[in-house]
Amino acid sequence: MYIASVCSRINIPYLSIENIMKIDRSKSIAELEQKHWGPPTYSSSLVRTCTALRSKPLQDFGVEDLRIMIGQENNLAFLVPIALEFLHDDILVAGDMYNGDLLMNILRINPNYWLQHPNEKSFLLTIIRSQWTKLLQEQHFDIELRAIQKFMRPFD
């Protein structure tokens, strides 16, 4: 896996979620969890979208799909490693909202997730450090900076 090879080159221990759980990215979240929600019982666009994304193979997830599901804190153990791959390539990668929208949703994840996944947190911090110059050049950097600071508070 790409993240694992990058981490080994920069000397960060990283056990990818694929190695830990043997995730088959050709499968959907519903298949991996062996839980099918059935049709949504609440008719909002967000609920319909999240329900549909649970049936989409992980290998077909794009930035917008990740942004939506991570924003709802759905199935983070499956989705955060994929999101980190996108962020490693471009920290300001955009879904349908704005440059850096995936990063912002990653930074807003409940701190308990990161406490349970310290290697992913380390990799995220490495991504932030390695692309700091790019962040500084972003038009709305003050927003990202506040989000990064808030992300770091529970770990100080």
C-alpha atoms as a PDB file:
ATOM      1  CA  MET A   1       0.000   0.000   0.000  1.00  0.00           C
ATOM      2  CA  TYR A   2       1.172   3.498  -0.832  1.00  0.00           C
ATOM      3  CA  ILE A   3       0.900   4.947   2.701  1.00  0.00           C
ATOM      4  CA  ALA A   4       2.903   2.106   4.187  1.00  0.00           C
ATOM      5  CA  SER A   5       5.738   2.579   1.697  1.00  0.00           C
ATOM      6  CA  VAL A   6       5.877   6.340   2.278  1.00  0.00           C
ATOM      7  CA  CYS A   7       5.885   5.855   6.048  1.00  0.00           C
ATOM      8  CA  SER A   8       8.687   3.334   5.866  1.00  0.00           C
ATOM      9  CA  ARG A   9      10.789   5.746   3.772  1.00  0.00           C
ATOM     10  CA  ILE A  10      10.344   8.556   6.298  1.00  0.00           C
ATOM     11  CA  ASN A  11      10.682   6.227   9.286  1.00  0.00           C
ATOM     12  CA  ILE A  12       7.127   6.415  10.669  1.00  0.00           C
ATOM     13  CA  PRO A  13       5.605   3.153  11.817  1.00  0.00           C
ATOM     14  CA  TYR A  14       2.348   2.556  10.015  1.00  0.00           C
ATOM     15  CA  LEU A  15       0.134  -0.475   9.952  1.00  0.00           C
ATOM     16  CA  SER A  16      -2.307   0.120   7.161  1.00  0.00           C
ATOM     17  CA  ILE A  17      -5.925  -0.728   7.721  1.00  0.00           C
ATOM     18  CA  GLU A  18      -5.613  -3.237   4.845  1.00  0.00           C
ATOM     19  CA  ASN A  19      -2.846  -5.072   6.662  1.00  0.00           C
ATOM     20  CA  ILE A  20      -4.721  -5.051   9.953  1.00  0.00           C
ATOM     21  CA  MET A  21      -8.168  -5.978   8.654  1.00  0.00           C
ATOM     22  CA  LYS A  22      -7.355  -7.372   5.186  1.00  0.00           C
ATOM     23  CA  ILE A  23      -9.762  -4.944   3.538  1.00  0.00           C
ATOM     24  CA  ASP A  24     -10.750  -5.752   0.016  1.00  0.00           C
ATOM     25  CA  ARG A  25     -11.279  -2.364  -1.654  1.00  0.00           C
ATOM     26  CA  SER A  26     -13.390  -4.008  -4.321  1.00  0.00           C
ATOM     27  CA  LYS A  27     -16.029  -4.411  -1.615  1.00  0.00           C
ATOM     28  CA  SER A  28     -18.396  -1.826  -0.227  1.00  0.00           C
ATOM     29  CA  ILE A  29     -18.720  -0.765   3.396  1.00  0.00           C
ATOM     30  CA  ALA A  30     -21.988  -2.706   3.607  1.00  0.00           C
ATOM     31  CA  GLU A  31     -20.245  -5.844   2.340  1.00  0.00           C
ATOM     32  CA  LEU A  32     -17.276  -5.404   4.684  1.00  0.00           C
ATOM     33  CA  GLU A  33     -19.497  -4.810   7.711  1.00  0.00           C
ATOM     34  CA  GLN A  34     -22.022  -7.391   6.522  1.00  0.00           C
ATOM     35  CA  LYS A  35     -24.729  -4.879   7.423  1.00  0.00           C
ATOM     36  CA  HIS A  36     -27.120  -3.631   4.785  1.00  0.00           C
ATOM     37  CA  TRP A  37     -29.186  -0.664   5.904  1.00  0.00           C
ATOM     38  CA  GLY A  38     -31.911  -1.125   3.330  1.00  0.00           C
ATOM     39  CA  PRO A  39     -33.707   1.901   1.915  1.00  0.00           C
ATOM     40  CA  PRO A  40     -33.403   5.110   3.927  1.00  0.00           C
ATOM     41  CA  THR A  41     -36.256   5.772   6.334  1.00  0.00           C
ATOM     42  CA  TYR A  42     -35.575   9.517   6.362  1.00  0.00           C
ATOM     43  CA  SER A  43     -35.764  11.301   3.039  1.00  0.00           C
ATOM     44  CA  SER A  44     -32.971  13.853   3.195  1.00  0.00           C
ATOM     45  CA  SER A  45     -30.407  14.171   0.455  1.00  0.00           C
ATOM     46  CA  LEU A  46     -27.586  13.477   2.924  1.00  0.00           C
ATOM     47  CA  VAL A  47     -29.197  10.301   4.265  1.00  0.00           C
ATOM     48  CA  ARG A  48     -29.879   9.030   0.742  1.00  0.00           C
ATOM     49  CA  THR A  49     -26.291   9.815  -0.288  1.00  0.00           C
ATOM     50  CA  CYS A  50     -24.715   8.114   2.740  1.00  0.00           C
ATOM     51  CA  THR A  51     -26.935   5.078   2.275  1.00  0.00           C
ATOM     52  CA  ALA A  52     -25.960   4.833  -1.391  1.00  0.00           C
ATOM     53  CA  LEU A  53     -22.245   5.269  -0.609  1.00  0.00           C
ATOM     54  CA  ARG A  54     -22.375   2.291   1.750  1.00  0.00           C
ATOM     55  CA  SER A  55     -23.016   0.142  -1.348  1.00  0.00           C
ATOM     56  CA  LYS A  56     -20.210   1.648  -3.449  1.00  0.00           C
ATOM     57  CA  PRO A  57     -16.911  -0.273  -3.671  1.00  0.00           C
ATOM     58  CA  LEU A  58     -14.179   1.496  -1.681  1.00  0.00           C
ATOM     59  CA  GLN A  59     -11.901   1.520  -4.737  1.00  0.00           C
ATOM     60  CA  ASP A  60     -14.441   3.764  -6.476  1.00  0.00           C
ATOM     61  CA  PHE A  61     -14.658   6.354  -3.685  1.00  0.00           C
ATOM     62  CA  GLY A  62     -13.655   9.821  -4.791  1.00  0.00           C
ATOM     63  CA  VAL A  63     -12.772  12.861  -2.723  1.00  0.00           C
ATOM     64  CA  GLU A  64     -16.385  14.034  -2.491  1.00  0.00           C
ATOM     65  CA  ASP A  65     -17.554  10.609  -1.318  1.00  0.00           C
ATOM     66  CA  LEU A  66     -14.893  10.594   1.384  1.00  0.00           C
ATOM     67  CA  ARG A  67     -15.689  14.169   2.394  1.00  0.00           C
ATOM     68  CA  ILE A  68     -19.361  13.346   2.867  1.00  0.00           C
ATOM     69  CA  MET A  69     -18.886  10.113   4.794  1.00  0.00           C
ATOM     70  CA  ILE A  70     -16.029  11.395   6.949  1.00  0.00           C
ATOM     71  CA  GLY A  71     -18.023  14.556   7.670  1.00  0.00           C
ATOM     72  CA  GLN A  72     -20.717  12.296   9.118  1.00  0.00           C
ATOM     73  CA  GLU A  73     -18.006  10.243  10.900  1.00  0.00           C
ATOM     74  CA  ASN A  74     -19.251   7.132   9.127  1.00  0.00           C
ATOM     75  CA  ASN A  75     -16.956   4.112   8.918  1.00  0.00           C
ATOM     76  CA  LEU A  76     -13.792   6.067   9.660  1.00  0.00           C
ATOM     77  CA  ALA A  77     -11.591   2.983  10.048  1.00  0.00           C
ATOM     78  CA  PHE A  78     -12.269   2.111   6.406  1.00  0.00           C
ATOM     79  CA  LEU A  79     -12.228   5.642   4.994  1.00  0.00           C
ATOM     80  CA  VAL A  80      -9.523   7.640   6.787  1.00  0.00           C
ATOM     81  CA  PRO A  81      -6.614   5.605   5.313  1.00  0.00           C
ATOM     82  CA  ILE A  82      -8.016   6.214   1.818  1.00  0.00           C
ATOM     83  CA  ALA A  83      -8.485   9.918   2.563  1.00  0.00           C
ATOM     84  CA  LEU A  84      -4.894  10.160   3.799  1.00  0.00           C
ATOM     85  CA  GLU A  85      -3.690   8.849   0.448  1.00  0.00           C
ATOM     86  CA  PHE A  86      -5.549  11.669  -1.324  1.00  0.00           C
ATOM     87  CA  LEU A  87      -4.222  14.246   1.163  1.00  0.00           C
ATOM     88  CA  HIS A  88      -0.668  12.991   0.747  1.00  0.00           C
ATOM     89  CA  ASP A  89      -0.908  13.682  -2.976  1.00  0.00           C
ATOM     90  CA  ASP A  90      -2.522  17.105  -2.444  1.00  0.00           C
ATOM     91  CA  ILE A  91      -3.368  18.412   1.023  1.00  0.00           C
ATOM     92  CA  LEU A  92      -5.851  20.862  -0.493  1.00  0.00           C
ATOM     93  CA  VAL A  93      -7.642  18.280  -2.628  1.00  0.00           C
ATOM     94  CA  ALA A  94     -11.261  19.326  -3.072  1.00  0.00           C
ATOM     95  CA  GLY A  95     -14.573  17.580  -3.114  1.00  0.00           C
ATOM     96  CA  ASP A  96     -17.516  19.645  -4.306  1.00  0.00           C
ATOM     97  CA  MET A  97     -17.222  22.413  -1.712  1.00  0.00           C
ATOM     98  CA  TYR A  98     -13.834  24.182  -1.701  1.00  0.00           C
ATOM     99  CA  ASN A  99     -10.070  23.587  -1.782  1.00  0.00           C
ATOM    100  CA  GLY A 100      -9.109  21.700   1.345  1.00  0.00           C
ATOM    101  CA  ASP A 101     -12.624  20.484   2.204  1.00  0.00           C
ATOM    102  CA  LEU A 102     -11.437  16.895   2.743  1.00  0.00           C
ATOM    103  CA  LEU A 103      -8.652  18.097   5.041  1.00  0.00           C
ATOM    104  CA  MET A 104     -11.141  20.152   7.044  1.00  0.00           C
ATOM    105  CA  ASN A 105     -13.400  17.143   7.578  1.00  0.00           C
ATOM    106  CA  ILE A 106     -10.417  14.996   8.555  1.00  0.00           C
ATOM    107  CA  LEU A 107      -9.356  17.635  11.100  1.00  0.00           C
ATOM    108  CA  ARG A 108     -12.873  17.716  12.587  1.00  0.00           C
ATOM    109  CA  ILE A 109     -12.967  13.993  13.373  1.00  0.00           C
ATOM    110  CA  ASN A 110     -13.559  13.284  17.050  1.00  0.00           C
ATOM    111  CA  PRO A 111     -10.170  13.200  18.857  1.00  0.00           C
ATOM    112  CA  ASN A 112     -10.989   9.745  20.248  1.00  0.00           C
ATOM    113  CA  TYR A 113     -10.569   8.318  16.752  1.00  0.00           C
ATOM    114  CA  TRP A 114      -7.017   9.664  16.555  1.00  0.00           C
ATOM    115  CA  LEU A 115      -6.200   8.379  20.045  1.00  0.00           C
ATOM    116  CA  GLN A 116      -7.199   4.909  18.853  1.00  0.00           C
ATOM    117  CA  HIS A 117      -5.299   5.303  15.546  1.00  0.00           C
ATOM    118  CA  PRO A 118      -1.999   6.991  16.476  1.00  0.00           C
ATOM    119  CA  ASN A 119      -0.169   5.872  13.329  1.00  0.00           C
ATOM    120  CA  GLU A 120      -2.775   7.499  11.123  1.00  0.00           C
ATOM    121  CA  LYS A 121      -2.502  10.648  13.243  1.00  0.00           C
ATOM    122  CA  SER A 122       1.288  10.596  12.815  1.00  0.00           C
ATOM    123  CA  PHE A 123       0.904  10.226   9.078  1.00  0.00           C
ATOM    124  CA  LEU A 124      -1.579  13.130   8.946  1.00  0.00           C
ATOM    125  CA  LEU A 125       0.854  15.325  10.878  1.00  0.00           C
ATOM    126  CA  THR A 126       3.628  14.334   8.453  1.00  0.00           C
ATOM    127  CA  ILE A 127       1.402  15.319   5.543  1.00  0.00           C
ATOM    128  CA  ILE A 128       0.652  18.696   7.155  1.00  0.00           C
ATOM    129  CA  ARG A 129       4.343  19.351   7.836  1.00  0.00           C
ATOM    130  CA  SER A 130       5.458  18.305   4.358  1.00  0.00           C
ATOM    131  CA  GLN A 131       2.870  20.502   2.639  1.00  0.00           C
ATOM    132  CA  TRP A 132       2.985  23.447   5.045  1.00  0.00           C
ATOM    133  CA  THR A 133       4.202  25.832   2.329  1.00  0.00           C
ATOM    134  CA  LYS A 134       1.227  24.928   0.171  1.00  0.00           C
ATOM    135  CA  LEU A 135      -1.102  25.605   3.102  1.00  0.00           C
ATOM    136  CA  LEU A 136       0.512  29.002   3.681  1.00  0.00           C
ATOM    137  CA  GLN A 137      -0.242  29.959   0.082  1.00  0.00           C
ATOM    138  CA  GLU A 138      -3.936  29.039   0.388  1.00  0.00           C
ATOM    139  CA  GLN A 139      -6.281  32.006   0.199  1.00  0.00           C
ATOM    140  CA  HIS A 140      -8.186  31.017   3.341  1.00  0.00           C
ATOM    141  CA  PHE A 141      -5.216  29.650   5.288  1.00  0.00           C
ATOM    142  CA  ASP A 142      -6.445  31.213   8.541  1.00  0.00           C
ATOM    143  CA  ILE A 143      -9.404  28.797   8.495  1.00  0.00           C
ATOM    144  CA  GLU A 144      -7.146  25.771   7.984  1.00  0.00           C
ATOM    145  CA  LEU A 145      -4.710  27.037  10.621  1.00  0.00           C
ATOM    146  CA  ARG A 146      -7.487  27.317  13.225  1.00  0.00           C
ATOM    147  CA  ALA A 147      -8.685  23.817  12.325  1.00  0.00           C
ATOM    148  CA  ILE A 148      -5.140  22.428  12.626  1.00  0.00           C
ATOM    149  CA  GLN A 149      -4.709  24.135  16.004  1.00  0.00           C
ATOM    150  CA  LYS A 150      -8.046  22.749  17.221  1.00  0.00           C
ATOM    151  CA  PHE A 151      -7.047  19.292  15.951  1.00  0.00           C
ATOM    152  CA  MET A 152      -3.794  19.454  17.956  1.00  0.00           C
ATOM    153  CA  ARG A 153      -5.308  20.632  21.292  1.00  0.00           C
ATOM    154  CA  PRO A 154      -6.368  17.230  22.658  1.00  0.00           C
ATOM    155  CA  PHE A 155      -2.893  15.805  21.980  1.00  0.00           C
ATOM    156  CA  ASP A 156      -0.808  18.550  23.606  1.00  0.00           C
END
